[in-house]
């Protein structure tokens, strides 16, 4: 496993924790453990996919790739929960961009 992928998986896990905290707060602390784990795991998968050894490209294209990957990965979760958490869906798109930005900044 290359360094980029390791960083992205760790970043996805950390962002997943933030996402889970937000989901707990939005649900009035009543979110089920299965929902919470699934949301966290979705963010770890997002890190895995963003961290894949993609072809090097310029910053703008990399950020767009992060948004697109965030959209695809988050849509998988969003659709399986019956389209009930649009905030988490949008957050996944933003997290894809944040992961790419973090990987760009730490790659030097």
N, C-alpha and C. Protein backbone atom coordinates (compact mmCIF):
# COMPACT_ATOMS: atom_id res chain seq x y z
N UNK A 1 0.86 -1.17 0.00
CA UNK A 1 0.00 0.00 0.00
C UNK A 1 0.90 1.23 0.00
N UNK A 2 0.64 2.14 -0.94
CA UNK A 2 1.49 3.32 -1.04
C UNK A 2 1.11 4.37 0.00
N UNK A 3 1.97 5.36 0.15
CA UNK A 3 1.79 6.41 1.16
C UNK A 3 0.51 7.22 0.94
N UNK A 4 0.20 7.51 -0.31
CA UNK A 4 -1.01 8.26 -0.62
C UNK A 4 -2.26 7.53 -0.11
N UNK A 5 -2.32 6.24 -0.36
CA UNK A 5 -3.48 5.47 0.06
C UNK A 5 -3.58 5.41 1.58
N UNK A 6 -2.46 5.21 2.26
CA UNK A 6 -2.47 5.18 3.73
C UNK A 6 -3.02 6.49 4.29
N UNK A 7 -2.51 7.61 3.77
CA UNK A 7 -2.96 8.92 4.24
C UNK A 7 -4.45 9.11 3.97
N UNK A 8 -4.91 8.70 2.80
CA UNK A 8 -6.30 8.89 2.43
C UNK A 8 -7.24 8.04 3.28
N UNK A 9 -6.85 6.82 3.59
CA UNK A 9 -7.68 5.96 4.43
C UNK A 9 -7.78 6.54 5.84
N UNK A 10 -6.65 6.99 6.36
CA UNK A 10 -6.66 7.63 7.69
C UNK A 10 -7.52 8.89 7.65
N UNK A 11 -7.35 9.69 6.61
CA UNK A 11 -8.17 10.90 6.46
C UNK A 11 -9.64 10.57 6.37
N UNK A 12 -10.00 9.53 5.61
CA UNK A 12 -11.38 9.10 5.51
C UNK A 12 -11.94 8.65 6.85
N UNK A 13 -11.13 7.94 7.63
CA UNK A 13 -11.58 7.50 8.96
C UNK A 13 -11.82 8.68 9.89
N UNK A 14 -10.93 9.67 9.84
CA UNK A 14 -11.10 10.87 10.67
C UNK A 14 -12.33 11.66 10.23
N UNK A 15 -12.48 11.85 8.93
CA UNK A 15 -13.67 12.55 8.43
C UNK A 15 -14.94 11.77 8.76
N UNK A 16 -14.83 10.46 8.78
CA UNK A 16 -15.97 9.62 9.16
C UNK A 16 -16.39 9.87 10.59
N UNK A 17 -15.42 10.06 11.47
CA UNK A 17 -15.74 10.36 12.87
C UNK A 17 -16.49 11.69 12.95
N UNK A 18 -16.01 12.70 12.21
CA UNK A 18 -16.71 13.99 12.19
C UNK A 18 -18.13 13.83 11.65
N UNK A 19 -18.28 13.03 10.62
CA UNK A 19 -19.58 12.81 10.00
C UNK A 19 -20.52 12.10 10.99
N UNK A 20 -20.02 11.14 11.71
CA UNK A 20 -20.81 10.40 12.69
C UNK A 20 -21.26 11.33 13.81
N UNK A 21 -20.37 12.19 14.27
CA UNK A 21 -20.75 13.16 15.31
C UNK A 21 -21.88 14.05 14.81
N UNK A 22 -21.74 14.54 13.58
CA UNK A 22 -22.80 15.36 13.00
C UNK A 22 -24.11 14.61 12.87
N UNK A 23 -24.04 13.36 12.45
CA UNK A 23 -25.26 12.55 12.30
C UNK A 23 -25.93 12.32 13.66
N UNK A 24 -25.13 12.06 14.68
CA UNK A 24 -25.68 11.88 16.02
C UNK A 24 -26.39 13.14 16.49
N UNK A 25 -25.76 14.29 16.27
CA UNK A 25 -26.35 15.56 16.70
C UNK A 25 -27.65 15.81 15.94
N UNK A 26 -27.62 15.63 14.61
CA UNK A 26 -28.82 15.87 13.79
C UNK A 26 -29.96 14.95 14.15
N UNK A 27 -29.65 13.74 14.61
CA UNK A 27 -30.69 12.77 14.95
C UNK A 27 -31.17 12.91 16.39
N UNK A 28 -30.66 13.88 17.11
CA UNK A 28 -31.01 14.00 18.52
C UNK A 28 -30.43 12.86 19.34
N UNK A 29 -29.27 12.37 18.92
CA UNK A 29 -28.54 11.28 19.56
C UNK A 29 -29.33 9.97 19.55
N UNK A 30 -30.14 9.77 18.51
CA UNK A 30 -30.93 8.54 18.41
C UNK A 30 -30.55 7.69 17.20
N UNK A 31 -29.50 8.05 16.49
CA UNK A 31 -29.08 7.27 15.32
C UNK A 31 -28.67 5.86 15.76
N UNK A 32 -29.06 4.88 14.98
CA UNK A 32 -28.76 3.49 15.33
C UNK A 32 -27.27 3.20 15.13
N UNK A 33 -26.75 2.25 15.88
CA UNK A 33 -25.34 1.87 15.71
C UNK A 33 -25.02 1.38 14.29
N UNK A 34 -25.96 0.72 13.65
CA UNK A 34 -25.73 0.23 12.28
C UNK A 34 -25.61 1.41 11.32
N UNK A 35 -26.49 2.39 11.47
CA UNK A 35 -26.43 3.60 10.64
C UNK A 35 -25.10 4.31 10.84
N UNK A 36 -24.71 4.48 12.09
CA UNK A 36 -23.47 5.20 12.41
C UNK A 36 -22.26 4.46 11.84
N UNK A 37 -22.21 3.15 12.03
CA UNK A 37 -21.08 2.38 11.49
C UNK A 37 -21.06 2.46 9.97
N UNK A 38 -22.22 2.33 9.35
CA UNK A 38 -22.29 2.37 7.88
C UNK A 38 -21.82 3.71 7.34
N UNK A 39 -22.18 4.78 8.02
CA UNK A 39 -21.75 6.11 7.59
C UNK A 39 -20.25 6.26 7.74
N UNK A 40 -19.71 5.81 8.88
CA UNK A 40 -18.26 5.88 9.09
C UNK A 40 -17.52 5.03 8.05
N UNK A 41 -18.00 3.83 7.82
CA UNK A 41 -17.37 2.92 6.86
C UNK A 41 -17.40 3.50 5.45
N UNK A 42 -18.48 4.19 5.10
CA UNK A 42 -18.58 4.83 3.80
C UNK A 42 -17.46 5.85 3.63
N UNK A 43 -17.13 6.58 4.67
CA UNK A 43 -16.06 7.58 4.60
C UNK A 43 -14.69 6.92 4.50
N UNK A 44 -14.52 5.78 5.16
CA UNK A 44 -13.26 5.04 5.01
C UNK A 44 -13.11 4.56 3.57
N UNK A 45 -14.19 4.06 2.99
CA UNK A 45 -14.15 3.64 1.58
C UNK A 45 -13.87 4.82 0.66
N UNK A 46 -14.41 5.97 0.99
CA UNK A 46 -14.13 7.17 0.21
C UNK A 46 -12.62 7.45 0.25
N UNK A 47 -12.02 7.34 1.42
CA UNK A 47 -10.57 7.52 1.53
C UNK A 47 -9.81 6.51 0.69
N UNK A 48 -10.24 5.28 0.71
CA UNK A 48 -9.59 4.23 -0.08
C UNK A 48 -9.64 4.56 -1.58
N UNK A 49 -10.79 4.99 -2.04
CA UNK A 49 -10.96 5.26 -3.47
C UNK A 49 -10.23 6.53 -3.89
N UNK A 50 -10.33 7.58 -3.08
CA UNK A 50 -9.60 8.82 -3.40
C UNK A 50 -8.10 8.57 -3.35
N UNK A 51 -7.67 7.72 -2.43
CA UNK A 51 -6.23 7.46 -2.27
C UNK A 51 -5.64 6.49 -3.28
N UNK A 52 -6.46 5.93 -4.14
CA UNK A 52 -5.94 5.02 -5.16
C UNK A 52 -4.86 5.71 -5.99
N UNK A 53 -3.98 4.94 -6.57
CA UNK A 53 -2.88 5.54 -7.34
C UNK A 53 -3.34 6.12 -8.67
N UNK A 54 -4.04 7.22 -8.61
CA UNK A 54 -4.53 7.90 -9.80
C UNK A 54 -3.37 8.55 -10.55
N UNK A 55 -3.59 8.78 -11.81
CA UNK A 55 -2.62 9.48 -12.65
C UNK A 55 -2.44 10.90 -12.10
N UNK A 56 -1.21 11.38 -12.08
CA UNK A 56 -0.96 12.75 -11.62
C UNK A 56 -1.60 13.74 -12.56
N UNK A 57 -2.19 14.76 -11.98
CA UNK A 57 -2.87 15.78 -12.77
C UNK A 57 -2.74 17.12 -12.04
N UNK A 58 -3.26 18.16 -12.63
CA UNK A 58 -3.17 19.46 -11.96
C UNK A 58 -4.15 19.52 -10.79
N UNK A 59 -3.98 20.53 -9.96
CA UNK A 59 -4.74 20.66 -8.72
C UNK A 59 -6.25 20.74 -8.97
N UNK A 60 -6.68 21.55 -9.92
CA UNK A 60 -8.10 21.72 -10.18
C UNK A 60 -8.76 20.41 -10.61
N UNK A 61 -8.10 19.68 -11.48
CA UNK A 61 -8.65 18.39 -11.92
C UNK A 61 -8.67 17.38 -10.78
N UNK A 62 -7.65 17.41 -9.94
CA UNK A 62 -7.62 16.50 -8.79
C UNK A 62 -8.77 16.81 -7.83
N UNK A 63 -9.04 18.08 -7.59
CA UNK A 63 -10.14 18.46 -6.70
C UNK A 63 -11.49 18.07 -7.31
N UNK A 64 -11.61 18.24 -8.62
CA UNK A 64 -12.83 17.80 -9.30
C UNK A 64 -12.99 16.28 -9.19
N UNK A 65 -11.89 15.57 -9.36
CA UNK A 65 -11.92 14.10 -9.20
C UNK A 65 -12.38 13.74 -7.79
N UNK A 66 -11.87 14.44 -6.78
CA UNK A 66 -12.29 14.20 -5.40
C UNK A 66 -13.78 14.42 -5.21
N UNK A 67 -14.30 15.50 -5.81
CA UNK A 67 -15.74 15.78 -5.71
C UNK A 67 -16.55 14.69 -6.40
N UNK A 68 -16.11 14.27 -7.55
CA UNK A 68 -16.83 13.24 -8.31
C UNK A 68 -16.80 11.90 -7.57
N UNK A 69 -15.64 11.53 -7.05
CA UNK A 69 -15.55 10.29 -6.29
C UNK A 69 -16.38 10.38 -5.01
N UNK A 70 -16.36 11.54 -4.36
CA UNK A 70 -17.19 11.75 -3.18
C UNK A 70 -18.67 11.59 -3.51
N UNK A 71 -19.07 12.12 -4.66
CA UNK A 71 -20.46 12.00 -5.09
C UNK A 71 -20.84 10.53 -5.29
N UNK A 72 -20.01 9.79 -6.01
CA UNK A 72 -20.32 8.38 -6.29
C UNK A 72 -20.36 7.54 -5.03
N UNK A 73 -19.35 7.69 -4.18
CA UNK A 73 -19.28 6.87 -2.97
C UNK A 73 -20.41 7.25 -2.01
N UNK A 74 -20.65 8.53 -1.84
CA UNK A 74 -21.71 8.97 -0.93
C UNK A 74 -23.09 8.60 -1.45
N UNK A 75 -23.25 8.59 -2.76
CA UNK A 75 -24.55 8.22 -3.32
C UNK A 75 -24.88 6.77 -2.99
N UNK A 76 -23.89 5.91 -2.91
CA UNK A 76 -24.13 4.52 -2.55
C UNK A 76 -24.78 4.45 -1.15
N UNK A 77 -24.26 5.21 -0.21
CA UNK A 77 -24.83 5.23 1.14
C UNK A 77 -26.20 5.92 1.12
N UNK A 78 -26.26 7.06 0.48
CA UNK A 78 -27.49 7.86 0.45
C UNK A 78 -28.66 7.07 -0.14
N UNK A 79 -28.42 6.34 -1.19
CA UNK A 79 -29.49 5.58 -1.83
C UNK A 79 -29.92 4.39 -0.97
N UNK A 80 -28.99 3.78 -0.25
CA UNK A 80 -29.36 2.61 0.57
C UNK A 80 -30.13 3.00 1.82
N UNK A 81 -30.05 4.25 2.23
CA UNK A 81 -30.83 4.68 3.40
C UNK A 81 -32.13 5.37 2.97
N UNK A 82 -32.50 5.18 1.73
CA UNK A 82 -33.77 5.71 1.25
C UNK A 82 -33.78 7.21 1.05
N UNK A 83 -32.61 7.77 0.72
CA UNK A 83 -32.49 9.21 0.43
C UNK A 83 -32.95 10.07 1.62
N UNK A 84 -32.60 9.63 2.83
CA UNK A 84 -33.08 10.29 4.05
C UNK A 84 -32.07 11.25 4.69
N UNK A 85 -30.83 11.28 4.22
CA UNK A 85 -29.83 12.13 4.87
C UNK A 85 -29.04 12.93 3.83
N UNK A 86 -29.66 13.96 3.26
CA UNK A 86 -28.97 14.73 2.21
C UNK A 86 -27.73 15.46 2.72
N UNK A 87 -27.69 15.79 3.99
CA UNK A 87 -26.51 16.48 4.54
C UNK A 87 -25.29 15.58 4.46
N UNK A 88 -25.45 14.32 4.80
CA UNK A 88 -24.32 13.39 4.70
C UNK A 88 -23.90 13.17 3.25
N UNK A 89 -24.87 13.17 2.36
CA UNK A 89 -24.56 13.01 0.94
C UNK A 89 -23.70 14.18 0.45
N UNK A 90 -24.11 15.38 0.74
CA UNK A 90 -23.34 16.57 0.32
C UNK A 90 -21.99 16.60 1.03
N UNK A 91 -21.98 16.22 2.30
CA UNK A 91 -20.71 16.19 3.05
C UNK A 91 -19.72 15.24 2.38
N UNK A 92 -20.19 14.13 1.83
CA UNK A 92 -19.31 13.19 1.15
C UNK A 92 -18.62 13.81 -0.05
N UNK A 93 -19.34 14.64 -0.77
CA UNK A 93 -18.75 15.34 -1.92
C UNK A 93 -17.66 16.30 -1.43
N UNK A 94 -17.97 17.03 -0.38
CA UNK A 94 -17.00 17.97 0.20
C UNK A 94 -15.80 17.21 0.76
N UNK A 95 -16.04 16.08 1.41
CA UNK A 95 -14.94 15.28 1.96
C UNK A 95 -14.02 14.75 0.87
N UNK A 96 -14.57 14.40 -0.29
CA UNK A 96 -13.73 13.97 -1.40
C UNK A 96 -12.78 15.08 -1.83
N UNK A 97 -13.29 16.30 -1.88
CA UNK A 97 -12.45 17.46 -2.23
C UNK A 97 -11.41 17.70 -1.14
N UNK A 98 -11.84 17.64 0.12
CA UNK A 98 -10.90 17.86 1.24
C UNK A 98 -9.79 16.82 1.26
N UNK A 99 -10.14 15.57 1.00
CA UNK A 99 -9.11 14.53 0.95
C UNK A 99 -8.10 14.79 -0.15
N UNK A 100 -8.58 15.13 -1.33
CA UNK A 100 -7.66 15.43 -2.44
C UNK A 100 -6.77 16.62 -2.09
N UNK A 101 -7.36 17.67 -1.54
CA UNK A 101 -6.56 18.85 -1.17
C UNK A 101 -5.49 18.48 -0.15
N UNK A 102 -5.86 17.69 0.84
CA UNK A 102 -4.91 17.27 1.87
C UNK A 102 -3.80 16.41 1.26
N UNK A 103 -4.16 15.54 0.35
CA UNK A 103 -3.15 14.70 -0.30
C UNK A 103 -2.22 15.53 -1.18
N UNK A 104 -2.75 16.52 -1.84
CA UNK A 104 -1.91 17.41 -2.67
C UNK A 104 -0.92 18.15 -1.78
N UNK A 105 -1.42 18.69 -0.68
CA UNK A 105 -0.55 19.49 0.21
C UNK A 105 0.52 18.67 0.91
N UNK A 106 0.22 17.41 1.21
CA UNK A 106 1.18 16.58 1.95
C UNK A 106 2.05 15.71 1.05
N UNK A 107 1.92 15.85 -0.26
CA UNK A 107 2.67 14.99 -1.17
C UNK A 107 4.08 15.49 -1.44
N UNK A 108 4.42 16.63 -0.94
CA UNK A 108 5.75 17.19 -1.23
C UNK A 108 6.79 16.67 -0.29
